[in-house]
Structures are given as C-alpha cells and as structure tokens.
C-alpha cells in the first residue's frame, strides 16, 4: 500500500489511519515528530533514492509506505501498487509548507505562490495520470477535507480499498481534526 500526494496534503494522517487498522508501516523514524507533525511523519529515507535504488521494495509487501508524488514514476513495474492519493487545497498546502519552513529556518521556493500552485497542480496531475495508466497500479483519491469532516465515510472507502473493510472504525478514530491548522482563508470570514 502506498500513500502519496503533495507534501502537507495529509499523507501522514493517512499513514496513521492505516497503522490504526493494523497495517504495518514501512518507516525508519529518522524524521521524528515535531510541531508541524506532532504525531509523526511516517517516512522512509530510502524512498528518496528510489530512482537509483528501489531495493527497499523488498521489505514493502504487506506494509504501507509513503512515496511523494514526484517519485511514483520511479517505482519499478515489477511490483503491484495500491496507491492512496491524498489531495488538499493548494492554498492550504502552501500555507502549511511555508509555516513549516519558517519554523525550521529554511527558505522555501523562490517563485510566487500562484506559480508554485500551478507547478504543484501539474505535478500531482501528471503523477495521478501516470498511475492510472499503469496496469500494475490501483488508485484511490482521498481528499483531506473530506477525511477531516467525514472521517467514518472516508475511512470506510480507504479500508475497502485496502481490503480490510472491518477496520474502518479504527481508521476513523485515528483522525485528529485538531491538527487541521492551516485552513484556507476565505475573504469575509
């Protein structure tokens, strides 16, 4: 099981939901929880090197792993992948990412937010289109807001996709709506 999407799109939340259902996670805990992800990032550093070394996949069967959208096309065609694509409002993604970078003292992208939104949208669309054309990939689109506002319904969809429909309640219970902090600012509110 792969969880993918843009950074700050709810991939860690999805990983936490899968863990609550009893699916083992393929992580290395090198990136500890912090103020931006107080419940953890659930990442595997080796995934970042997939283009040159996909050997980590040998440990992946039966587990869930987070793969950033830009690396999906690096996955070898020798495996079958069930991919949960996380989607979130791009203004919220950018706000959350900006805050995380500020907190860590790092610089973000130098392009204007509207240009960055177009790049992210294009990249995500490209990754999603690639996955749906691969005979070895099955995809489920999950929207962050829908998980936050209707965790039981979205957990049921995810549990069904993962082949564990009886674990939906545990998955829904893992959703912590208090972590939804970078909300889109709507004029007049």
N, C-alpha and C. Protein backbone atom coordinates (compact mmCIF):
# COMPACT_ATOMS: atom_id res chain seq x y z
N UNK A 1 0.85 -1.17 0.00
CA UNK A 1 0.00 0.00 0.00
C UNK A 1 0.90 1.23 0.00
N UNK A 2 0.63 2.14 -0.91
CA UNK A 2 1.40 3.38 -0.99
C UNK A 2 0.47 4.55 -0.67
N UNK A 3 0.96 5.48 0.12
CA UNK A 3 0.27 6.73 0.36
C UNK A 3 1.09 7.81 -0.34
N UNK A 4 0.43 8.58 -1.19
CA UNK A 4 1.14 9.59 -1.96
C UNK A 4 0.35 10.89 -2.01
N UNK A 5 1.02 11.93 -2.44
CA UNK A 5 0.41 13.25 -2.58
C UNK A 5 1.49 14.30 -2.42
N UNK A 6 1.07 15.53 -2.43
CA UNK A 6 1.99 16.64 -2.21
C UNK A 6 2.42 16.66 -0.75
N UNK A 7 3.57 17.27 -0.46
CA UNK A 7 3.91 17.49 0.95
C UNK A 7 2.81 18.32 1.62
N UNK A 8 2.48 18.00 2.83
CA UNK A 8 1.50 18.73 3.64
C UNK A 8 0.05 18.51 3.16
N UNK A 9 -0.18 17.37 2.48
CA UNK A 9 -1.53 17.11 1.95
C UNK A 9 -2.32 16.10 2.78
N UNK A 10 -1.75 15.62 3.87
CA UNK A 10 -2.45 14.66 4.71
C UNK A 10 -1.91 13.25 4.59
N UNK A 11 -0.74 13.11 4.00
CA UNK A 11 -0.17 11.77 3.84
C UNK A 11 0.16 11.13 5.19
N UNK A 12 0.64 11.92 6.14
CA UNK A 12 0.95 11.36 7.46
C UNK A 12 -0.33 10.91 8.16
N UNK A 13 -1.41 11.68 7.99
CA UNK A 13 -2.69 11.30 8.57
C UNK A 13 -3.15 9.97 7.98
N UNK A 14 -3.02 9.81 6.66
CA UNK A 14 -3.43 8.57 6.01
C UNK A 14 -2.59 7.39 6.52
N UNK A 15 -1.30 7.62 6.69
CA UNK A 15 -0.43 6.56 7.22
C UNK A 15 -0.87 6.17 8.64
N UNK A 16 -1.19 7.15 9.45
CA UNK A 16 -1.64 6.89 10.82
C UNK A 16 -2.94 6.08 10.80
N UNK A 17 -3.83 6.40 9.86
CA UNK A 17 -5.09 5.67 9.74
C UNK A 17 -4.83 4.20 9.38
N UNK A 18 -3.92 3.98 8.45
CA UNK A 18 -3.60 2.61 8.05
C UNK A 18 -2.96 1.84 9.21
N UNK A 19 -2.09 2.51 9.96
CA UNK A 19 -1.47 1.87 11.13
C UNK A 19 -2.53 1.49 12.16
N UNK A 20 -3.51 2.36 12.36
CA UNK A 20 -4.58 2.07 13.32
C UNK A 20 -5.38 0.85 12.91
N UNK A 21 -5.41 0.57 11.61
CA UNK A 21 -6.12 -0.61 11.10
C UNK A 21 -5.28 -1.87 11.20
N UNK A 22 -4.05 -1.72 11.67
CA UNK A 22 -3.18 -2.88 11.85
C UNK A 22 -2.25 -3.16 10.68
N UNK A 23 -2.22 -2.27 9.69
CA UNK A 23 -1.30 -2.45 8.58
C UNK A 23 0.08 -1.98 9.04
N UNK A 24 1.09 -2.84 8.95
CA UNK A 24 2.43 -2.42 9.35
C UNK A 24 2.93 -1.31 8.43
N UNK A 25 3.65 -0.37 9.00
CA UNK A 25 4.20 0.74 8.22
C UNK A 25 5.67 0.49 7.93
N UNK A 26 6.08 0.85 6.74
CA UNK A 26 7.49 0.78 6.36
C UNK A 26 8.07 2.17 6.57
N UNK A 27 8.70 2.36 7.71
CA UNK A 27 9.28 3.65 8.08
C UNK A 27 10.62 3.40 8.75
N UNK A 28 11.38 4.47 8.94
CA UNK A 28 12.65 4.32 9.64
C UNK A 28 12.77 5.26 10.85
N UNK A 29 11.76 6.10 11.06
CA UNK A 29 11.73 7.01 12.21
C UNK A 29 12.92 7.97 12.25
N UNK A 30 13.58 8.20 11.12
CA UNK A 30 14.70 9.15 11.10
C UNK A 30 14.20 10.59 11.26
N UNK A 31 13.00 10.86 10.80
CA UNK A 31 12.41 12.19 10.96
C UNK A 31 11.41 12.12 12.10
N UNK A 32 11.80 12.62 13.26
CA UNK A 32 10.93 12.50 14.44
C UNK A 32 9.74 13.47 14.38
N UNK A 33 8.71 13.20 15.18
CA UNK A 33 7.60 14.14 15.27
C UNK A 33 8.11 15.51 15.69
N UNK A 34 7.42 16.55 15.29
CA UNK A 34 7.77 17.91 15.68
C UNK A 34 6.49 18.73 15.73
N UNK A 35 6.63 20.03 15.87
CA UNK A 35 5.46 20.90 15.99
C UNK A 35 4.58 20.86 14.75
N UNK A 36 5.16 20.62 13.59
CA UNK A 36 4.39 20.59 12.36
C UNK A 36 3.67 19.26 12.15
N UNK A 37 4.22 18.19 12.63
CA UNK A 37 3.60 16.86 12.58
C UNK A 37 3.81 16.19 13.93
N UNK A 38 3.02 16.62 14.93
CA UNK A 38 3.26 16.12 16.29
C UNK A 38 3.02 14.62 16.46
N UNK A 39 2.32 13.99 15.52
CA UNK A 39 2.09 12.55 15.63
C UNK A 39 3.02 11.75 14.73
N UNK A 40 3.92 12.44 14.04
CA UNK A 40 4.92 11.77 13.24
C UNK A 40 4.76 11.95 11.74
N UNK A 41 5.86 11.70 11.04
CA UNK A 41 5.90 11.85 9.58
C UNK A 41 5.73 10.52 8.85
N UNK A 42 6.10 9.42 9.47
CA UNK A 42 5.93 8.08 8.90
C UNK A 42 6.64 7.94 7.55
N UNK A 43 7.90 8.36 7.51
CA UNK A 43 8.67 8.34 6.26
C UNK A 43 9.75 7.27 6.29
N UNK A 44 10.20 6.92 5.10
CA UNK A 44 11.32 6.00 4.92
C UNK A 44 12.32 6.72 4.03
N UNK A 45 13.49 7.02 4.59
CA UNK A 45 14.51 7.80 3.87
C UNK A 45 14.90 7.13 2.54
N UNK A 46 14.94 5.82 2.50
CA UNK A 46 15.34 5.11 1.28
C UNK A 46 14.42 5.41 0.10
N UNK A 47 13.18 5.80 0.36
CA UNK A 47 12.24 6.11 -0.73
C UNK A 47 12.78 7.25 -1.58
N UNK A 48 13.48 8.19 -0.96
CA UNK A 48 14.01 9.34 -1.70
C UNK A 48 15.03 8.93 -2.76
N UNK A 49 15.60 7.74 -2.62
CA UNK A 49 16.62 7.26 -3.56
C UNK A 49 16.07 6.19 -4.50
N UNK A 50 14.76 6.11 -4.62
CA UNK A 50 14.11 5.07 -5.42
C UNK A 50 14.59 5.06 -6.86
N UNK A 51 14.81 6.22 -7.43
CA UNK A 51 15.24 6.30 -8.83
C UNK A 51 16.50 5.45 -9.07
N UNK A 52 17.44 5.51 -8.13
CA UNK A 52 18.70 4.78 -8.27
C UNK A 52 18.73 3.44 -7.53
N UNK A 53 17.91 3.31 -6.50
CA UNK A 53 17.96 2.10 -5.68
C UNK A 53 16.59 1.79 -5.09
N UNK A 54 15.79 1.00 -5.80
CA UNK A 54 14.46 0.65 -5.27
C UNK A 54 14.48 -0.61 -4.40
N UNK A 55 15.64 -0.96 -3.87
CA UNK A 55 15.76 -2.21 -3.11
C UNK A 55 14.87 -2.24 -1.87
N UNK A 56 14.47 -1.09 -1.36
CA UNK A 56 13.59 -1.04 -0.19
C UNK A 56 12.26 -1.75 -0.46
N UNK A 57 11.88 -1.88 -1.73
CA UNK A 57 10.62 -2.53 -2.07
C UNK A 57 10.58 -3.99 -1.64
N UNK A 58 11.73 -4.60 -1.44
CA UNK A 58 11.76 -5.99 -0.99
C UNK A 58 11.11 -6.14 0.38
N UNK A 59 11.13 -5.08 1.19
CA UNK A 59 10.52 -5.11 2.52
C UNK A 59 9.10 -4.57 2.53
N UNK A 60 8.56 -4.17 1.37
CA UNK A 60 7.28 -3.48 1.32
C UNK A 60 6.03 -4.35 1.28
N UNK A 61 6.06 -5.56 0.74
CA UNK A 61 4.81 -6.32 0.66
C UNK A 61 4.10 -6.44 2.01
N UNK A 62 2.81 -6.15 1.99
CA UNK A 62 2.00 -6.22 3.20
C UNK A 62 2.11 -5.02 4.11
N UNK A 63 2.88 -4.02 3.69
CA UNK A 63 3.08 -2.82 4.51
C UNK A 63 2.63 -1.58 3.76
N UNK A 64 2.47 -0.49 4.50
CA UNK A 64 2.15 0.81 3.91
C UNK A 64 3.40 1.67 3.95
N UNK A 65 3.64 2.40 2.87
CA UNK A 65 4.81 3.27 2.78
C UNK A 65 4.40 4.57 2.10
N UNK A 66 5.00 5.64 2.54
CA UNK A 66 4.73 6.96 1.96
C UNK A 66 5.73 7.21 0.83
N UNK A 67 5.19 7.55 -0.36
CA UNK A 67 6.01 7.87 -1.52
C UNK A 67 5.53 9.20 -2.07
N UNK A 68 6.36 10.21 -2.03
CA UNK A 68 5.99 11.53 -2.53
C UNK A 68 5.56 11.42 -3.99
N UNK A 69 4.63 12.25 -4.39
CA UNK A 69 4.05 12.18 -5.74
C UNK A 69 5.11 12.18 -6.85
N UNK A 70 6.17 12.94 -6.67
CA UNK A 70 7.19 13.09 -7.71
C UNK A 70 8.02 11.83 -7.91
N UNK A 71 7.96 10.90 -6.97
CA UNK A 71 8.75 9.67 -7.10
C UNK A 71 7.94 8.46 -7.56
N UNK A 72 6.66 8.61 -7.73
CA UNK A 72 5.84 7.46 -8.13
C UNK A 72 6.32 6.85 -9.44
N UNK A 73 6.69 7.70 -10.39
CA UNK A 73 7.11 7.18 -11.70
C UNK A 73 8.45 6.46 -11.63
N UNK A 74 9.12 6.53 -10.51
CA UNK A 74 10.39 5.81 -10.32
C UNK A 74 10.16 4.38 -9.82
N UNK A 75 8.93 4.07 -9.44
CA UNK A 75 8.64 2.73 -8.94
C UNK A 75 8.77 1.72 -10.08
N UNK A 76 9.50 0.65 -9.87
CA UNK A 76 9.68 -0.33 -10.94
C UNK A 76 8.37 -1.05 -11.27
N UNK A 77 8.20 -1.42 -12.52
CA UNK A 77 6.96 -2.09 -12.94
C UNK A 77 6.88 -3.55 -12.51
N UNK A 78 7.83 -4.01 -11.74
CA UNK A 78 7.88 -5.40 -11.31
C UNK A 78 6.99 -5.70 -10.10
N UNK A 79 6.36 -4.67 -9.53
CA UNK A 79 5.50 -4.85 -8.37
C UNK A 79 4.10 -4.34 -8.69
N UNK A 80 3.14 -4.73 -7.88
CA UNK A 80 1.79 -4.19 -7.96
C UNK A 80 1.63 -3.18 -6.83
N UNK A 81 0.98 -2.06 -7.14
CA UNK A 81 0.86 -0.97 -6.16
C UNK A 81 -0.61 -0.57 -5.99
N UNK A 82 -1.00 -0.43 -4.73
CA UNK A 82 -2.29 0.17 -4.39
C UNK A 82 -1.94 1.53 -3.82
N UNK A 83 -2.38 2.59 -4.50
CA UNK A 83 -1.95 3.94 -4.17
C UNK A 83 -3.12 4.77 -3.66
N UNK A 84 -2.98 5.27 -2.45
CA UNK A 84 -3.95 6.25 -1.92
C UNK A 84 -3.36 7.62 -2.22
N UNK A 85 -4.03 8.38 -3.07
CA UNK A 85 -3.61 9.73 -3.40
C UNK A 85 -4.31 10.72 -2.49
N UNK A 86 -3.53 11.45 -1.71
CA UNK A 86 -4.10 12.48 -0.85
C UNK A 86 -4.15 13.80 -1.60
N UNK A 87 -5.28 14.49 -1.50
CA UNK A 87 -5.48 15.79 -2.14
C UNK A 87 -5.87 16.80 -1.07
N UNK A 88 -5.38 18.02 -1.23
CA UNK A 88 -5.71 19.10 -0.29
C UNK A 88 -5.68 20.41 -1.04
N UNK A 89 -6.47 21.35 -0.60
CA UNK A 89 -6.49 22.68 -1.19
C UNK A 89 -5.06 23.22 -1.28
N UNK A 90 -4.67 23.66 -2.46
CA UNK A 90 -3.28 24.09 -2.67
C UNK A 90 -2.91 25.31 -1.84
N UNK A 91 -3.85 26.20 -1.58
CA UNK A 91 -3.54 27.34 -0.71
C UNK A 91 -3.18 26.86 0.69
N UNK A 92 -3.89 25.84 1.17
CA UNK A 92 -3.58 25.29 2.48
C UNK A 92 -2.25 24.55 2.47
N UNK A 93 -1.98 23.82 1.41
CA UNK A 93 -0.69 23.12 1.30
C UNK A 93 0.44 24.13 1.38
N UNK A 94 0.32 25.21 0.61
CA UNK A 94 1.38 26.23 0.59
C UNK A 94 1.52 26.92 1.94
N UNK A 95 0.40 27.24 2.58
CA UNK A 95 0.46 27.89 3.89
C UNK A 95 1.12 26.98 4.92
N UNK A 96 0.76 25.71 4.89
CA UNK A 96 1.33 24.76 5.84
C UNK A 96 2.82 24.57 5.58
N UNK A 97 3.17 24.45 4.31
CA UNK A 97 4.59 24.28 3.97
C UNK A 97 5.40 25.52 4.33
N UNK A 98 4.84 26.69 4.06
CA UNK A 98 5.53 27.93 4.38
C UNK A 98 5.79 28.03 5.89
N UNK A 99 4.78 27.69 6.68
CA UNK A 99 4.92 27.77 8.14
C UNK A 99 5.96 26.76 8.63
N UNK A 100 5.96 25.57 8.05
CA UNK A 100 6.92 24.55 8.45
C UNK A 100 8.34 25.01 8.11
N UNK A 101 8.54 25.59 6.93
CA UNK A 101 9.86 26.06 6.54
C UNK A 101 10.31 27.23 7.42
N UNK A 102 9.39 28.14 7.74
CA UNK A 102 9.73 29.27 8.62
C UNK A 102 10.17 28.75 9.98
N UNK A 103 9.43 27.80 10.50
CA UNK A 103 9.73 27.27 11.83
C UNK A 103 11.10 26.60 11.85
N UNK A 104 11.49 25.97 10.74
CA UNK A 104 12.79 25.29 10.70
C UNK A 104 13.93 26.20 10.24
N UNK A 105 13.59 27.47 9.88
CA UNK A 105 14.61 28.40 9.45
C UNK A 105 15.11 28.17 8.04
N UNK A 106 14.34 27.43 7.24
CA UNK A 106 14.74 27.16 5.86
C UNK A 106 13.96 28.06 4.91
N UNK A 107 14.54 28.26 3.75
CA UNK A 107 13.87 29.03 2.71
C UNK A 107 12.99 28.11 1.89
N UNK A 108 11.88 28.65 1.44
CA UNK A 108 11.00 27.89 0.57
C UNK A 108 11.30 28.19 -0.89
N UNK A 109 10.38 27.81 -1.74
CA UNK A 109 10.53 28.06 -3.17
C UNK A 109 10.57 29.56 -3.42
N UNK A 110 11.38 29.95 -4.39
CA UNK A 110 11.52 31.38 -4.67
C UNK A 110 10.46 31.90 -5.64
N UNK A 111 9.61 31.04 -6.15
CA UNK A 111 8.60 31.51 -7.09
C UNK A 111 7.35 31.99 -6.36
N UNK A 112 6.58 32.88 -7.01
CA UNK A 112 5.36 33.39 -6.39
C UNK A 112 4.38 32.24 -6.10
N UNK A 113 3.54 32.40 -5.08
CA UNK A 113 2.61 31.33 -4.69
C UNK A 113 1.72 30.83 -5.83
N UNK A 114 1.23 31.72 -6.66
CA UNK A 114 0.35 31.29 -7.75
C UNK A 114 1.11 30.41 -8.75
N UNK A 115 2.36 30.74 -9.00
CA UNK A 115 3.17 29.93 -9.91
C UNK A 115 3.47 28.58 -9.28
N UNK A 116 3.77 28.58 -7.99
CA UNK A 116 4.05 27.34 -7.29
C UNK A 116 2.80 26.44 -7.27
N UNK A 117 1.64 27.04 -7.08
CA UNK A 117 0.39 26.28 -7.12
C UNK A 117 0.22 25.60 -8.47
N UNK A 118 0.52 26.31 -9.55
CA UNK A 118 0.39 25.72 -10.88
C UNK A 118 1.37 24.56 -11.05
N UNK A 119 2.59 24.73 -10.56
CA UNK A 119 3.59 23.65 -10.66
C UNK A 119 3.12 22.43 -9.87
N UNK A 120 2.69 22.64 -8.62
CA UNK A 120 2.21 21.53 -7.80
C UNK A 120 1.02 20.83 -8.45
N UNK A 121 0.06 21.61 -8.93
CA UNK A 121 -1.13 21.02 -9.57
C UNK A 121 -0.73 20.19 -10.78
N UNK A 122 0.17 20.70 -11.56
CA UNK A 122 0.62 19.99 -12.76
C UNK A 122 1.36 18.70 -12.38
N UNK A 123 2.23 18.78 -11.39
CA UNK A 123 2.98 17.60 -10.95
C UNK A 123 2.05 16.52 -10.42
N UNK A 124 1.10 16.94 -9.58
CA UNK A 124 0.18 15.97 -9.00
C UNK A 124 -0.69 15.33 -10.08
N UNK A 125 -1.16 16.14 -11.00
CA UNK A 125 -1.98 15.63 -12.09
C UNK A 125 -1.18 14.65 -12.95
N UNK A 126 0.06 14.97 -13.22
CA UNK A 126 0.92 14.10 -14.00
C UNK A 126 1.15 12.77 -13.29
N UNK A 127 1.43 12.82 -12.00
CA UNK A 127 1.66 11.59 -11.23
C UNK A 127 0.39 10.74 -11.20
N UNK A 128 -0.74 11.38 -11.00
CA UNK A 128 -2.01 10.66 -10.93
C UNK A 128 -2.34 10.03 -12.28
N UNK A 129 -2.12 10.78 -13.35
CA UNK A 129 -2.38 10.28 -14.71
C UNK A 129 -1.47 9.09 -15.01
N UNK A 130 -0.20 9.22 -14.63
CA UNK A 130 0.74 8.11 -14.85
C UNK A 130 0.25 6.85 -14.13
N UNK A 131 -0.11 6.99 -12.87
CA UNK A 131 -0.52 5.82 -12.08
C UNK A 131 -1.75 5.14 -12.66
N UNK A 132 -2.71 5.93 -13.12
CA UNK A 132 -3.93 5.30 -13.62
C UNK A 132 -3.72 4.61 -14.96
N UNK A 133 -2.63 4.89 -15.65
CA UNK A 133 -2.35 4.21 -16.92
C UNK A 133 -1.48 2.97 -16.74
N UNK A 134 -1.01 2.73 -15.52
CA UNK A 134 -0.14 1.58 -15.27
C UNK A 134 -0.99 0.36 -14.92
N UNK A 135 -0.77 -0.74 -15.63
CA UNK A 135 -1.57 -1.94 -15.34
C UNK A 135 -1.29 -2.53 -13.96
N UNK A 136 -0.20 -2.14 -13.33
CA UNK A 136 0.16 -2.68 -12.03
C UNK A 136 -0.21 -1.73 -10.88
N UNK A 137 -1.02 -0.71 -11.17
CA UNK A 137 -1.41 0.26 -10.14
C UNK A 137 -2.93 0.33 -10.01
N UNK A 138 -3.40 0.40 -8.78
CA UNK A 138 -4.79 0.70 -8.47
C UNK A 138 -4.76 1.97 -7.63
N UNK A 139 -5.69 2.88 -7.87
CA UNK A 139 -5.63 4.19 -7.20
C UNK A 139 -6.95 4.53 -6.51
N UNK A 140 -6.81 5.24 -5.41
CA UNK A 140 -7.95 5.79 -4.68
C UNK A 140 -7.63 7.24 -4.35
N UNK A 141 -8.50 8.15 -4.77
CA UNK A 141 -8.33 9.56 -4.44
C UNK A 141 -9.04 9.87 -3.14
N UNK A 142 -8.32 10.49 -2.21
CA UNK A 142 -8.87 10.84 -0.90
C UNK A 142 -8.59 12.32 -0.67
N UNK A 143 -9.63 13.06 -0.29
CA UNK A 143 -9.49 14.49 -0.07
C UNK A 143 -9.41 14.79 1.42
N UNK A 144 -8.39 15.53 1.77
CA UNK A 144 -8.10 15.87 3.16
C UNK A 144 -9.33 16.42 3.89
N UNK A 145 -10.00 17.39 3.27
CA UNK A 145 -11.17 17.99 3.93
C UNK A 145 -12.26 16.97 4.21
N UNK A 146 -12.44 16.04 3.29
CA UNK A 146 -13.47 15.03 3.48
C UNK A 146 -13.10 14.09 4.63
N UNK A 147 -11.82 13.80 4.79
CA UNK A 147 -11.40 12.96 5.91
C UNK A 147 -11.64 13.70 7.23
N UNK A 148 -11.29 14.98 7.26
CA UNK A 148 -11.48 15.77 8.48
C UNK A 148 -12.95 15.91 8.85
N UNK A 149 -13.80 16.15 7.84
CA UNK A 149 -15.22 16.43 8.10
C UNK A 149 -16.11 15.19 8.12
N UNK A 150 -15.66 14.10 7.52
CA UNK A 150 -16.45 12.87 7.50
C UNK A 150 -15.51 11.67 7.62
N UNK A 151 -14.81 11.56 8.77
CA UNK A 151 -13.81 10.51 8.90
C UNK A 151 -14.36 9.09 8.74
N UNK A 152 -15.57 8.84 9.21
CA UNK A 152 -16.10 7.48 9.10
C UNK A 152 -16.31 7.08 7.65
N UNK A 153 -16.88 7.97 6.86
CA UNK A 153 -17.14 7.67 5.45
C UNK A 153 -15.84 7.49 4.68
N UNK A 154 -14.88 8.36 4.91
CA UNK A 154 -13.62 8.26 4.18
C UNK A 154 -12.79 7.07 4.66
N UNK A 155 -12.84 6.78 5.94
CA UNK A 155 -12.14 5.60 6.45
C UNK A 155 -12.74 4.34 5.84
N UNK A 156 -14.06 4.31 5.66
CA UNK A 156 -14.71 3.14 5.04
C UNK A 156 -14.21 2.96 3.61
N UNK A 157 -14.07 4.05 2.86
CA UNK A 157 -13.55 3.97 1.49
C UNK A 157 -12.12 3.44 1.48
N UNK A 158 -11.29 4.00 2.37
CA UNK A 158 -9.89 3.59 2.43
C UNK A 158 -9.76 2.14 2.89
N UNK A 159 -10.54 1.74 3.87
CA UNK A 159 -10.49 0.37 4.38
C UNK A 159 -10.93 -0.62 3.30
N UNK A 160 -11.95 -0.27 2.56
CA UNK A 160 -12.40 -1.13 1.47
C UNK A 160 -11.31 -1.28 0.41
N UNK A 161 -10.68 -0.17 0.06
CA UNK A 161 -9.61 -0.17 -0.94
C UNK A 161 -8.43 -1.02 -0.46
N UNK A 162 -8.15 -0.98 0.83
CA UNK A 162 -7.03 -1.73 1.40
C UNK A 162 -7.39 -3.20 1.66
N UNK A 163 -8.66 -3.54 1.44
CA UNK A 163 -9.07 -4.93 1.64
C UNK A 163 -9.33 -5.29 3.08
N UNK A 164 -9.58 -4.27 3.91
CA UNK A 164 -9.83 -4.51 5.34
C UNK A 164 -11.07 -3.72 5.79
N UNK A 165 -12.23 -3.98 5.14
CA UNK A 165 -13.42 -3.16 5.43
C UNK A 165 -13.85 -3.19 6.90
N UNK A 166 -13.50 -4.25 7.62
CA UNK A 166 -13.88 -4.35 9.03
C UNK A 166 -13.03 -3.45 9.94
N UNK A 167 -12.04 -2.76 9.39
CA UNK A 167 -11.16 -1.90 10.19
C UNK A 167 -11.45 -0.41 10.03
N UNK A 168 -12.55 -0.07 9.38
CA UNK A 168 -12.87 1.33 9.11
C UNK A 168 -13.02 2.15 10.39
N UNK A 169 -13.64 1.59 11.41
CA UNK A 169 -13.85 2.34 12.65
C UNK A 169 -12.52 2.71 13.31
N UNK A 170 -11.59 1.78 13.32
CA UNK A 170 -10.27 2.07 13.88
C UNK A 170 -9.55 3.16 13.09
N UNK A 171 -9.71 3.11 11.77
CA UNK A 171 -9.09 4.13 10.92
C UNK A 171 -9.70 5.50 11.18
N UNK A 172 -11.01 5.56 11.29
CA UNK A 172 -11.68 6.84 11.54
C UNK A 172 -11.27 7.42 12.89
N UNK A 173 -11.09 6.56 13.87
CA UNK A 173 -10.71 7.02 15.21
C UNK A 173 -9.31 7.63 15.22
N UNK A 174 -8.49 7.32 14.23
CA UNK A 174 -7.12 7.86 14.17
C UNK A 174 -7.06 9.27 13.62
N UNK A 175 -8.17 9.78 13.11
CA UNK A 175 -8.20 11.14 12.56
C UNK A 175 -8.27 12.14 13.71
N UNK A 176 -7.33 13.06 13.74
CA UNK A 176 -7.29 14.10 14.77
C UNK A 176 -7.54 15.45 14.10
N UNK A 177 -8.79 15.88 14.11
CA UNK A 177 -9.16 17.13 13.44
C UNK A 177 -8.50 18.35 14.07
N UNK A 178 -8.00 18.24 15.29
CA UNK A 178 -7.34 19.40 15.92
C UNK A 178 -6.03 19.74 15.21
N UNK A 179 -5.51 18.82 14.41
CA UNK A 179 -4.27 19.08 13.68
C UNK A 179 -4.51 19.84 12.38
N UNK A 180 -5.76 20.10 12.06
CA UNK A 180 -6.10 20.88 10.87
C UNK A 180 -5.94 22.36 11.24
N UNK A 181 -4.73 22.88 11.02
CA UNK A 181 -4.41 24.22 11.49
C UNK A 181 -4.23 25.24 10.38
N UNK A 182 -3.81 24.85 9.22
CA UNK A 182 -3.57 25.78 8.11
C UNK A 182 -4.76 25.76 7.17
N UNK A 183 -5.83 26.41 7.64
CA UNK A 183 -7.06 26.46 6.85
C UNK A 183 -7.00 27.58 5.84
N UNK A 184 -7.65 27.34 4.71
CA UNK A 184 -7.72 28.35 3.67
C UNK A 184 -8.47 29.56 4.19
N UNK A 185 -7.90 30.71 3.96
CA UNK A 185 -8.54 31.95 4.37
C UNK A 185 -9.52 32.40 3.30
N UNK A 186 -10.80 32.44 3.66
CA UNK A 186 -11.82 32.86 2.74
C UNK A 186 -12.16 34.31 3.03
N UNK A 187 -12.09 35.20 2.00
CA UNK A 187 -12.39 36.61 2.22
C UNK A 187 -13.74 36.78 2.90
N UNK A 188 -13.81 37.68 3.87
CA UNK A 188 -15.04 37.98 4.57
C UNK A 188 -15.29 37.10 5.78
N UNK A 189 -14.38 36.20 6.08
CA UNK A 189 -14.57 35.34 7.26
C UNK A 189 -13.63 35.75 8.35
